[in-house]
């Protein structure tokens, strides 16, 4: 009888034959095998050299069949880790990505530099709620507004907030607009930024299984950034409030060019492990204080 390791190895070959990238196939087969088994990672490692328990193949094979159709592993198992927290994932939300943790880190950097900013934070297009919820676990004194144009996504976000015990500090709003609040100090967002003409070039896991509204930002991918970097958004923030956004791998310059210097001052960027600028920060300027602020900058 085949061992668990041999069964998982055979499943990996099936995934490779179906077009699953080589750098994903082995890990995916392991994750799905663990999902089909009782116990934790230690139990799985110890069981690899033995035949699997009764019923394993009956549970495991349908999971591999789903992955062969290029359904994402996160949707098959129903969750994904982000910021050390476990988040429910469905087809109604983006699967949380590691690079989006840079948005959380950038917001925490702002709050730790000046704790007065850790009061009201708005998460635009919250999706699974991963950014707002991660920040809520780190900033127990802050309150949050998490908005999304999708009611289905908000359902997932609310469930995740309840799972992590922060529901009482997050107001969920069904809107695609900037929620009105006179005391907002930080706006965070991972907007849809893929240009529509690139749709056919996307991996099936993204193109066929994740929501279009969370992926595509118009013909050039910048539609939502135009709204986020408007004078109205700057005015919705307190003076010197922050806008923190994730951007596509080649969009840093284009997004920065949308920021009118009368409304925004470009702050630090944050790079991912490949050295790509993934998160940009902008500090709001209120136009009635523009001349004074510029004079102070020159004197400094």
C-alpha atoms as a PDB file:
ATOM      1  CA  UNK A   1       0.000   0.000   0.000  1.00  0.00           C
ATOM      2  CA  UNK A   2       1.301   3.455  -0.895  1.00  0.00           C
ATOM      3  CA  UNK A   3       2.527   5.753   1.827  1.00  0.00           C
ATOM      4  CA  UNK A   4       1.063   9.195   2.383  1.00  0.00           C
ATOM      5  CA  UNK A   5       4.208  10.764   0.916  1.00  0.00           C
ATOM      6  CA  UNK A   6       3.871   8.679  -2.267  1.00  0.00           C
ATOM      7  CA  UNK A   7       0.208   9.616  -2.672  1.00  0.00           C
ATOM      8  CA  UNK A   8       1.006  13.305  -2.249  1.00  0.00           C
ATOM      9  CA  UNK A   9       3.878  13.015  -4.745  1.00  0.00           C
ATOM     10  CA  UNK A  10       1.544  11.434  -7.318  1.00  0.00           C
ATOM     11  CA  UNK A  11      -0.937  14.250  -6.749  1.00  0.00           C
ATOM     12  CA  UNK A  12       1.829  16.768  -7.381  1.00  0.00           C
ATOM     13  CA  UNK A  13       2.475  15.166 -10.778  1.00  0.00           C
ATOM     14  CA  UNK A  14      -1.232  15.445 -11.615  1.00  0.00           C
ATOM     15  CA  UNK A  15      -1.162  19.133 -10.758  1.00  0.00           C
ATOM     16  CA  UNK A  16       1.918  19.724 -12.888  1.00  0.00           C
ATOM     17  CA  UNK A  17       0.283  17.939 -15.823  1.00  0.00           C
ATOM     18  CA  UNK A  18      -2.754  20.214 -15.429  1.00  0.00           C
ATOM     19  CA  UNK A  19      -0.585  23.339 -15.752  1.00  0.00           C
ATOM     20  CA  UNK A  20      -0.237  24.298 -12.113  1.00  0.00           C
ATOM     21  CA  UNK A  21       3.119  26.129 -11.882  1.00  0.00           C
ATOM     22  CA  UNK A  22       6.006  24.007 -10.651  1.00  0.00           C
ATOM     23  CA  UNK A  23       6.714  26.376  -7.747  1.00  0.00           C
ATOM     24  CA  UNK A  24       3.153  25.840  -6.479  1.00  0.00           C
ATOM     25  CA  UNK A  25       2.307  22.218  -7.230  1.00  0.00           C
ATOM     26  CA  UNK A  26       4.253  20.547  -4.420  1.00  0.00           C
ATOM     27  CA  UNK A  27       3.100  22.984  -1.759  1.00  0.00           C
ATOM     28  CA  UNK A  28      -0.495  22.819  -2.957  1.00  0.00           C
ATOM     29  CA  UNK A  29      -0.551  19.032  -2.788  1.00  0.00           C
ATOM     30  CA  UNK A  30       0.821  19.157   0.757  1.00  0.00           C
ATOM     31  CA  UNK A  31      -1.694  21.778   1.905  1.00  0.00           C
ATOM     32  CA  UNK A  32      -4.594  19.787   0.472  1.00  0.00           C
ATOM     33  CA  UNK A  33      -3.299  16.579   2.036  1.00  0.00           C
ATOM     34  CA  UNK A  34      -3.123  18.266   5.429  1.00  0.00           C
ATOM     35  CA  UNK A  35      -6.660  19.565   4.908  1.00  0.00           C
ATOM     36  CA  UNK A  36      -7.855  16.003   4.272  1.00  0.00           C
ATOM     37  CA  UNK A  37      -6.198  14.665   7.426  1.00  0.00           C
ATOM     38  CA  UNK A  38      -6.979  15.183  11.085  1.00  0.00           C
ATOM     39  CA  UNK A  39      -4.338  16.742  13.290  1.00  0.00           C
ATOM     40  CA  UNK A  40      -1.735  19.465  12.934  1.00  0.00           C
ATOM     41  CA  UNK A  41       1.451  19.871  10.896  1.00  0.00           C
ATOM     42  CA  UNK A  42       3.449  17.691  13.271  1.00  0.00           C
ATOM     43  CA  UNK A  43       0.942  14.864  12.905  1.00  0.00           C
ATOM     44  CA  UNK A  44       1.133  15.203   9.125  1.00  0.00           C
ATOM     45  CA  UNK A  45       4.938  15.051   9.050  1.00  0.00           C
ATOM     46  CA  UNK A  46       4.977  11.977  11.277  1.00  0.00           C
ATOM     47  CA  UNK A  47       2.357  10.257   9.098  1.00  0.00           C
ATOM     48  CA  UNK A  48       4.129  10.786   5.764  1.00  0.00           C
ATOM     49  CA  UNK A  49       6.078   7.516   5.895  1.00  0.00           C
ATOM     50  CA  UNK A  50       2.979   5.471   6.677  1.00  0.00           C
ATOM     51  CA  UNK A  51      -0.100   4.488   4.666  1.00  0.00           C
ATOM     52  CA  UNK A  52      -2.814   7.117   5.158  1.00  0.00           C
ATOM     53  CA  UNK A  53      -5.748   6.470   7.452  1.00  0.00           C
ATOM     54  CA  UNK A  54      -9.006   5.042   6.125  1.00  0.00           C
ATOM     55  CA  UNK A  55     -11.037   7.539   4.150  1.00  0.00           C
ATOM     56  CA  UNK A  56      -8.094   9.792   3.310  1.00  0.00           C
ATOM     57  CA  UNK A  57      -8.071   9.068  -0.425  1.00  0.00           C
ATOM     58  CA  UNK A  58     -11.832   9.618  -0.574  1.00  0.00           C
ATOM     59  CA  UNK A  59     -11.366  13.105   0.912  1.00  0.00           C
ATOM     60  CA  UNK A  60      -8.095  13.980  -0.830  1.00  0.00           C
ATOM     61  CA  UNK A  61      -8.855  13.105  -4.454  1.00  0.00           C
ATOM     62  CA  UNK A  62     -11.782  15.565  -4.847  1.00  0.00           C
ATOM     63  CA  UNK A  63      -9.584  18.346  -3.481  1.00  0.00           C
ATOM     64  CA  UNK A  64      -6.909  17.614  -6.078  1.00  0.00           C
ATOM     65  CA  UNK A  65      -9.594  17.420  -8.782  1.00  0.00           C
ATOM     66  CA  UNK A  66     -10.711  20.928  -7.826  1.00  0.00           C
ATOM     67  CA  UNK A  67      -7.144  22.236  -7.923  1.00  0.00           C
ATOM     68  CA  UNK A  68      -6.687  20.695 -11.372  1.00  0.00           C
ATOM     69  CA  UNK A  69      -9.440  23.026 -12.588  1.00  0.00           C
ATOM     70  CA  UNK A  70      -7.128  25.805 -11.272  1.00  0.00           C
ATOM     71  CA  UNK A  71      -9.373  26.698  -8.364  1.00  0.00           C
ATOM     72  CA  UNK A  72      -7.145  28.461  -5.804  1.00  0.00           C
ATOM     73  CA  UNK A  73      -6.089  26.447  -2.782  1.00  0.00           C
ATOM     74  CA  UNK A  74      -7.327  29.223  -0.492  1.00  0.00           C
ATOM     75  CA  UNK A  75     -10.865  28.790  -1.815  1.00  0.00           C
ATOM     76  CA  UNK A  76     -10.693  24.996  -1.660  1.00  0.00           C
ATOM     77  CA  UNK A  77      -9.684  24.959   2.003  1.00  0.00           C
ATOM     78  CA  UNK A  78     -11.658  28.149   2.745  1.00  0.00           C
ATOM     79  CA  UNK A  79      -8.998  30.211   4.476  1.00  0.00           C
ATOM     80  CA  UNK A  80      -5.592  31.911   4.159  1.00  0.00           C
ATOM     81  CA  UNK A  81      -3.104  33.244   6.685  1.00  0.00           C
ATOM     82  CA  UNK A  82      -2.364  36.976   6.707  1.00  0.00           C
ATOM     83  CA  UNK A  83      -0.376  38.888   9.337  1.00  0.00           C
ATOM     84  CA  UNK A  84      -0.247  35.695  11.388  1.00  0.00           C
ATOM     85  CA  UNK A  85      -4.063  35.537  11.473  1.00  0.00           C
ATOM     86  CA  UNK A  86      -6.386  33.075   9.773  1.00  0.00           C
ATOM     87  CA  UNK A  87      -8.931  34.620   7.374  1.00  0.00           C
ATOM     88  CA  UNK A  88     -11.955  33.011   5.779  1.00  0.00           C
ATOM     89  CA  UNK A  89     -11.756  33.210   1.976  1.00  0.00           C
ATOM     90  CA  UNK A  90     -14.517  32.771  -0.621  1.00  0.00           C
ATOM     91  CA  UNK A  91     -14.973  33.615  -4.291  1.00  0.00           C
ATOM     92  CA  UNK A  92     -16.409  36.957  -3.187  1.00  0.00           C
ATOM     93  CA  UNK A  93     -13.053  38.335  -1.992  1.00  0.00           C
ATOM     94  CA  UNK A  94      -9.436  38.485  -3.028  1.00  0.00           C
ATOM     95  CA  UNK A  95      -7.184  35.955  -1.396  1.00  0.00           C
ATOM     96  CA  UNK A  96      -4.949  37.976   0.962  1.00  0.00           C
ATOM     97  CA  UNK A  97      -1.431  38.304  -0.481  1.00  0.00           C
ATOM     98  CA  UNK A  98       1.834  38.630   1.429  1.00  0.00           C
ATOM     99  CA  UNK A  99       2.672  41.968  -0.229  1.00  0.00           C
ATOM    100  CA  UNK A 100      -0.493  43.495   1.209  1.00  0.00           C
ATOM    101  CA  UNK A 101       1.019  43.070   4.662  1.00  0.00           C
ATOM    102  CA  UNK A 102       3.180  46.055   3.672  1.00  0.00           C
ATOM    103  CA  UNK A 103       0.047  48.236   3.877  1.00  0.00           C
ATOM    104  CA  UNK A 104      -0.448  47.106   7.461  1.00  0.00           C
ATOM    105  CA  UNK A 105       3.206  47.730   8.257  1.00  0.00           C
ATOM    106  CA  UNK A 106       3.147  51.217   6.704  1.00  0.00           C
ATOM    107  CA  UNK A 107       0.100  52.181   8.770  1.00  0.00           C
ATOM    108  CA  UNK A 108       1.691  50.849  11.954  1.00  0.00           C
ATOM    109  CA  UNK A 109       4.858  52.817  11.185  1.00  0.00           C
ATOM    110  CA  UNK A 110       2.787  56.007  10.993  1.00  0.00           C
ATOM    111  CA  UNK A 111       0.953  55.232  14.237  1.00  0.00           C
ATOM    112  CA  UNK A 112       4.094  54.326  16.139  1.00  0.00           C
ATOM    113  CA  UNK A 113       5.870  57.483  14.967  1.00  0.00           C
ATOM    114  CA  UNK A 114       2.932  59.606  16.147  1.00  0.00           C
ATOM    115  CA  UNK A 115       0.398  57.755  18.352  1.00  0.00           C
ATOM    116  CA  UNK A 116      -2.148  60.549  17.803  1.00  0.00           C
ATOM    117  CA  UNK A 117      -2.848  59.004  14.394  1.00  0.00           C
ATOM    118  CA  UNK A 118      -4.123  55.722  15.866  1.00  0.00           C
ATOM    119  CA  UNK A 119      -7.711  56.896  16.388  1.00  0.00           C
ATOM    120  CA  UNK A 120      -9.784  56.650  13.190  1.00  0.00           C
ATOM    121  CA  UNK A 121      -8.640  54.537  10.251  1.00  0.00           C
ATOM    122  CA  UNK A 122     -10.642  53.880   7.076  1.00  0.00           C
ATOM    123  CA  UNK A 123     -10.088  50.790   4.909  1.00  0.00           C
ATOM    124  CA  UNK A 124     -11.431  51.354   1.381  1.00  0.00           C
ATOM    125  CA  UNK A 125     -12.398  48.176  -0.485  1.00  0.00           C
ATOM    126  CA  UNK A 126     -11.900  45.997   2.559  1.00  0.00           C
ATOM    127  CA  UNK A 127     -12.667  42.643   0.858  1.00  0.00           C
ATOM    128  CA  UNK A 128     -11.933  39.912   3.384  1.00  0.00           C
ATOM    129  CA  UNK A 129     -11.228  42.630   5.944  1.00  0.00           C
ATOM    130  CA  UNK A 130      -7.625  41.515   6.289  1.00  0.00           C
ATOM    131  CA  UNK A 131      -6.053  44.997   6.455  1.00  0.00           C
ATOM    132  CA  UNK A 132      -8.531  46.554   8.888  1.00  0.00           C
ATOM    133  CA  UNK A 133      -8.649  43.452  11.094  1.00  0.00           C
ATOM    134  CA  UNK A 134      -4.873  43.054  11.215  1.00  0.00           C
ATOM    135  CA  UNK A 135      -4.554  46.720  12.207  1.00  0.00           C
ATOM    136  CA  UNK A 136      -7.322  46.375  14.789  1.00  0.00           C
ATOM    137  CA  UNK A 137      -5.433  43.553  16.508  1.00  0.00           C
ATOM    138  CA  UNK A 138      -2.321  45.750  16.667  1.00  0.00           C
ATOM    139  CA  UNK A 139      -4.021  49.032  17.622  1.00  0.00           C
ATOM    140  CA  UNK A 140      -6.492  48.287  20.407  1.00  0.00           C
ATOM    141  CA  UNK A 141      -7.323  51.962  20.932  1.00  0.00           C
ATOM    142  CA  UNK A 142      -8.274  52.703  17.318  1.00  0.00           C
ATOM    143  CA  UNK A 143     -11.663  52.520  15.660  1.00  0.00           C
ATOM    144  CA  UNK A 144     -12.167  51.586  12.026  1.00  0.00           C
ATOM    145  CA  UNK A 145     -14.477  52.078   9.077  1.00  0.00           C
ATOM    146  CA  UNK A 146     -14.247  49.277   6.502  1.00  0.00           C
ATOM    147  CA  UNK A 147     -16.127  49.857   3.254  1.00  0.00           C
ATOM    148  CA  UNK A 148     -16.747  47.788   0.164  1.00  0.00           C
ATOM    149  CA  UNK A 149     -18.976  47.980  -2.903  1.00  0.00           C
ATOM    150  CA  UNK A 150     -19.781  44.264  -2.495  1.00  0.00           C
ATOM    151  CA  UNK A 151     -22.286  43.132   0.110  1.00  0.00           C
ATOM    152  CA  UNK A 152     -20.984  39.571  -0.237  1.00  0.00           C
ATOM    153  CA  UNK A 153     -17.449  40.733   0.569  1.00  0.00           C
ATOM    154  CA  UNK A 154     -18.698  42.611   3.634  1.00  0.00           C
ATOM    155  CA  UNK A 155     -20.333  39.400   4.862  1.00  0.00           C
ATOM    156  CA  UNK A 156     -16.948  37.667   4.716  1.00  0.00           C
ATOM    157  CA  UNK A 157     -15.217  40.624   6.391  1.00  0.00           C
ATOM    158  CA  UNK A 158     -17.729  40.693   9.244  1.00  0.00           C
ATOM    159  CA  UNK A 159     -17.214  36.977   9.814  1.00  0.00           C
ATOM    160  CA  UNK A 160     -13.455  37.475   9.947  1.00  0.00           C
ATOM    161  CA  UNK A 161     -13.777  40.392  12.348  1.00  0.00           C
ATOM    162  CA  UNK A 162     -15.877  38.245  14.652  1.00  0.00           C
ATOM    163  CA  UNK A 163     -13.360  35.421  14.433  1.00  0.00           C
ATOM    164  CA  UNK A 164     -10.613  37.737  15.682  1.00  0.00           C
ATOM    165  CA  UNK A 165     -12.647  39.577  18.296  1.00  0.00           C
ATOM    166  CA  UNK A 166     -12.573  43.070  16.783  1.00  0.00           C
ATOM    167  CA  UNK A 167     -16.138  43.449  15.448  1.00  0.00           C
ATOM    168  CA  UNK A 168     -17.007  46.049  18.094  1.00  0.00           C
ATOM    169  CA  UNK A 169     -14.366  48.453  16.747  1.00  0.00           C
ATOM    170  CA  UNK A 170     -15.059  48.154  13.008  1.00  0.00           C
ATOM    171  CA  UNK A 171     -18.034  49.759  11.261  1.00  0.00           C
ATOM    172  CA  UNK A 172     -18.722  48.020   7.938  1.00  0.00           C
ATOM    173  CA  UNK A 173     -20.226  50.201   5.207  1.00  0.00           C
ATOM    174  CA  UNK A 174     -21.652  49.166   1.848  1.00  0.00           C
ATOM    175  CA  UNK A 175     -20.275  51.919  -0.384  1.00  0.00           C
ATOM    176  CA  UNK A 176     -17.679  52.566  -3.070  1.00  0.00           C
ATOM    177  CA  UNK A 177     -17.190  56.144  -1.856  1.00  0.00           C
ATOM    178  CA  UNK A 178     -14.928  57.616   0.816  1.00  0.00           C
ATOM    179  CA  UNK A 179     -16.981  57.349   4.030  1.00  0.00           C
ATOM    180  CA  UNK A 180     -17.591  60.802   5.551  1.00  0.00           C
ATOM    181  CA  UNK A 181     -15.905  61.356   8.887  1.00  0.00           C
ATOM    182  CA  UNK A 182     -14.295  64.566  10.086  1.00  0.00           C
ATOM    183  CA  UNK A 183     -11.713  62.804  12.227  1.00  0.00           C
ATOM    184  CA  UNK A 184     -10.125  60.344   9.777  1.00  0.00           C
ATOM    185  CA  UNK A 185      -6.370  60.216  10.232  1.00  0.00           C
ATOM    186  CA  UNK A 186      -5.405  57.329   7.954  1.00  0.00           C
ATOM    187  CA  UNK A 187      -6.976  55.830   4.845  1.00  0.00           C
ATOM    188  CA  UNK A 188      -5.629  52.456   3.722  1.00  0.00           C
ATOM    189  CA  UNK A 189      -6.526  50.674   0.500  1.00  0.00           C
ATOM    190  CA  UNK A 190      -5.575  47.801  -1.751  1.00  0.00           C
ATOM    191  CA  UNK A 191      -7.542  48.981  -4.795  1.00  0.00           C
ATOM    192  CA  UNK A 192      -8.279  47.031  -7.980  1.00  0.00           C
ATOM    193  CA  UNK A 193      -5.294  47.939 -10.156  1.00  0.00           C
ATOM    194  CA  UNK A 194      -5.046  45.464 -13.029  1.00  0.00           C
ATOM    195  CA  UNK A 195      -5.691  47.087 -16.448  1.00  0.00           C
ATOM    196  CA  UNK A 196      -8.641  45.484 -18.217  1.00  0.00           C
ATOM    197  CA  UNK A 197      -6.626  44.653 -21.381  1.00  0.00           C
ATOM    198  CA  UNK A 198      -4.443  42.344 -19.253  1.00  0.00           C
ATOM    199  CA  UNK A 199      -7.354  40.108 -18.291  1.00  0.00           C
ATOM    200  CA  UNK A 200      -6.509  37.267 -20.687  1.00  0.00           C
ATOM    201  CA  UNK A 201      -2.895  37.139 -19.484  1.00  0.00           C
ATOM    202  CA  UNK A 202      -3.825  36.473 -15.855  1.00  0.00           C
ATOM    203  CA  UNK A 203      -3.427  33.074 -14.249  1.00  0.00           C
ATOM    204  CA  UNK A 204      -6.711  31.101 -14.251  1.00  0.00           C
ATOM    205  CA  UNK A 205      -6.656  31.101 -10.442  1.00  0.00           C
ATOM    206  CA  UNK A 206      -7.056  34.878 -10.534  1.00  0.00           C
ATOM    207  CA  UNK A 207      -9.021  35.482 -13.730  1.00  0.00           C
ATOM    208  CA  UNK A 208     -11.643  32.778 -13.225  1.00  0.00           C
ATOM    209  CA  UNK A 209     -12.037  32.629  -9.451  1.00  0.00           C
ATOM    210  CA  UNK A 210     -11.509  36.071  -7.923  1.00  0.00           C
ATOM    211  CA  UNK A 211     -14.052  38.926  -8.205  1.00  0.00           C
ATOM    212  CA  UNK A 212     -13.614  41.302 -11.136  1.00  0.00           C
ATOM    213  CA  UNK A 213     -14.592  44.286  -8.996  1.00  0.00           C
ATOM    214  CA  UNK A 214     -11.562  43.661  -6.783  1.00  0.00           C
ATOM    215  CA  UNK A 215      -9.156  43.060  -9.678  1.00  0.00           C
ATOM    216  CA  UNK A 216      -9.680  45.501 -12.517  1.00  0.00           C
ATOM    217  CA  UNK A 217      -9.126  49.250 -12.318  1.00  0.00           C
ATOM    218  CA  UNK A 218     -10.271  50.335 -15.759  1.00  0.00           C
ATOM    219  CA  UNK A 219      -8.340  50.543 -19.027  1.00  0.00           C
ATOM    220  CA  UNK A 220      -5.090  51.628 -17.379  1.00  0.00           C
ATOM    221  CA  UNK A 221      -5.684  50.190 -13.910  1.00  0.00           C
ATOM    222  CA  UNK A 222      -5.703  53.627 -12.291  1.00  0.00           C
ATOM    223  CA  UNK A 223      -9.404  54.473 -12.007  1.00  0.00           C
ATOM    224  CA  UNK A 224      -9.667  54.024  -8.247  1.00  0.00           C
ATOM    225  CA  UNK A 225      -6.382  55.842  -7.603  1.00  0.00           C
ATOM    226  CA  UNK A 226      -7.773  58.890  -9.376  1.00  0.00           C
ATOM    227  CA  UNK A 227     -10.576  58.996  -6.823  1.00  0.00           C
ATOM    228  CA  UNK A 228      -8.341  58.196  -3.872  1.00  0.00           C
ATOM    229  CA  UNK A 229      -5.869  60.928  -4.780  1.00  0.00           C
ATOM    230  CA  UNK A 230      -8.502  63.589  -5.380  1.00  0.00           C
ATOM    231  CA  UNK A 231      -8.730  66.845  -3.468  1.00  0.00           C
ATOM    232  CA  UNK A 232     -11.938  65.514  -1.897  1.00  0.00           C
ATOM    233  CA  UNK A 233     -10.066  62.620  -0.302  1.00  0.00           C
ATOM    234  CA  UNK A 234      -7.358  64.917   1.008  1.00  0.00           C
ATOM    235  CA  UNK A 235     -10.099  67.084   2.488  1.00  0.00           C
ATOM    236  CA  UNK A 236     -11.687  64.064   4.189  1.00  0.00           C
ATOM    237  CA  UNK A 237      -8.488  63.540   6.176  1.00  0.00           C
ATOM    238  CA  UNK A 238      -7.289  65.616   9.060  1.00  0.00           C
ATOM    239  CA  UNK A 239      -4.484  68.026   8.217  1.00  0.00           C
ATOM    240  CA  UNK A 240      -1.372  65.903   7.603  1.00  0.00           C
ATOM    241  CA  UNK A 241      -3.476  62.729   7.566  1.00  0.00           C
ATOM    242  CA  UNK A 242      -2.210  59.763   5.584  1.00  0.00           C
ATOM    243  CA  UNK A 243      -3.320  57.825   2.523  1.00  0.00           C
ATOM    244  CA  UNK A 244      -1.574  54.436   2.206  1.00  0.00           C
ATOM    245  CA  UNK A 245      -2.153  52.396  -0.963  1.00  0.00           C
ATOM    246  CA  UNK A 246      -0.888  49.211  -2.545  1.00  0.00           C
ATOM    247  CA  UNK A 247       0.015  49.506  -6.238  1.00  0.00           C
ATOM    248  CA  UNK A 248       0.795  47.146  -9.113  1.00  0.00           C
ATOM    249  CA  UNK A 249       4.371  46.132  -9.846  1.00  0.00           C
ATOM    250  CA  UNK A 250       4.942  48.891 -12.443  1.00  0.00           C
ATOM    251  CA  UNK A 251       2.517  51.573 -11.246  1.00  0.00           C
ATOM    252  CA  UNK A 252       4.470  53.561  -8.667  1.00  0.00           C
ATOM    253  CA  UNK A 253       5.340  56.483 -10.941  1.00  0.00           C
ATOM    254  CA  UNK A 254       1.914  56.595 -12.592  1.00  0.00           C
ATOM    255  CA  UNK A 255       0.088  56.651  -9.258  1.00  0.00           C
ATOM    256  CA  UNK A 256       2.438  59.290  -7.825  1.00  0.00           C
ATOM    257  CA  UNK A 257       1.792  61.473 -10.884  1.00  0.00           C
ATOM    258  CA  UNK A 258      -1.916  61.541  -9.978  1.00  0.00           C
ATOM    259  CA  UNK A 259      -1.193  63.274  -6.661  1.00  0.00           C
ATOM    260  CA  UNK A 260      -1.569  67.042  -7.019  1.00  0.00           C
ATOM    261  CA  UNK A 261       1.196  68.696  -4.924  1.00  0.00           C
ATOM    262  CA  UNK A 262      -1.415  71.168  -3.667  1.00  0.00           C
ATOM    263  CA  UNK A 263      -3.262  68.265  -2.052  1.00  0.00           C
ATOM    264  CA  UNK A 264      -0.618  65.656  -1.287  1.00  0.00           C
ATOM    265  CA  UNK A 265       2.958  65.260  -0.180  1.00  0.00           C
ATOM    266  CA  UNK A 266       4.570  61.981  -1.205  1.00  0.00           C
ATOM    267  CA  UNK A 267       5.876  60.008   1.764  1.00  0.00           C
ATOM    268  CA  UNK A 268       7.916  56.831   1.986  1.00  0.00           C
ATOM    269  CA  UNK A 269       7.364  53.841  -0.245  1.00  0.00           C
ATOM    270  CA  UNK A 270       7.654  50.237   0.853  1.00  0.00           C
ATOM    271  CA  UNK A 271       9.207  47.542  -1.323  1.00  0.00           C
ATOM    272  CA  UNK A 272       8.391  43.844  -1.451  1.00  0.00           C
ATOM    273  CA  UNK A 273      10.943  41.025  -1.293  1.00  0.00           C
ATOM    274  CA  UNK A 274      11.685  41.481  -5.011  1.00  0.00           C
ATOM    275  CA  UNK A 275      12.522  45.161  -4.453  1.00  0.00           C
ATOM    276  CA  UNK A 276       9.342  46.372  -6.185  1.00  0.00           C
ATOM    277  CA  UNK A 277       7.601  49.462  -4.825  1.00  0.00           C
ATOM    278  CA  UNK A 278       4.332  47.967  -3.628  1.00  0.00           C
ATOM    279  CA  UNK A 279       2.994  50.458  -1.111  1.00  0.00           C
ATOM    280  CA  UNK A 280       2.978  54.243  -1.420  1.00  0.00           C
ATOM    281  CA  UNK A 281       2.182  56.767   1.283  1.00  0.00           C
ATOM    282  CA  UNK A 282       0.820  60.276   0.793  1.00  0.00           C
ATOM    283  CA  UNK A 283       0.285  62.995   3.394  1.00  0.00           C
ATOM    284  CA  UNK A 284      -2.729  65.264   2.960  1.00  0.00           C
ATOM    285  CA  UNK A 285      -2.305  68.986   2.505  1.00  0.00           C
ATOM    286  CA  UNK A 286      -5.217  71.373   2.966  1.00  0.00           C
ATOM    287  CA  UNK A 287      -5.045  74.050   0.289  1.00  0.00           C
ATOM    288  CA  UNK A 288      -5.763  76.939   2.634  1.00  0.00           C
ATOM    289  CA  UNK A 289      -2.496  76.120   4.450  1.00  0.00           C
ATOM    290  CA  UNK A 290      -0.441  75.484   1.334  1.00  0.00           C
ATOM    291  CA  UNK A 291       1.576  78.731   1.311  1.00  0.00           C
ATOM    292  CA  UNK A 292       2.406  78.572   5.020  1.00  0.00           C
ATOM    293  CA  UNK A 293       3.446  74.949   4.739  1.00  0.00           C
ATOM    294  CA  UNK A 294       5.706  75.580   1.759  1.00  0.00           C
ATOM    295  CA  UNK A 295       7.363  78.530   3.494  1.00  0.00           C
ATOM    296  CA  UNK A 296       8.044  76.412   6.557  1.00  0.00           C
ATOM    297  CA  UNK A 297       9.595  73.733   4.347  1.00  0.00           C
ATOM    298  CA  UNK A 298      11.945  76.273   2.757  1.00  0.00           C
ATOM    299  CA  UNK A 299      13.015  77.719   6.131  1.00  0.00           C
ATOM    300  CA  UNK A 300      13.819  74.217   7.347  1.00  0.00           C
END
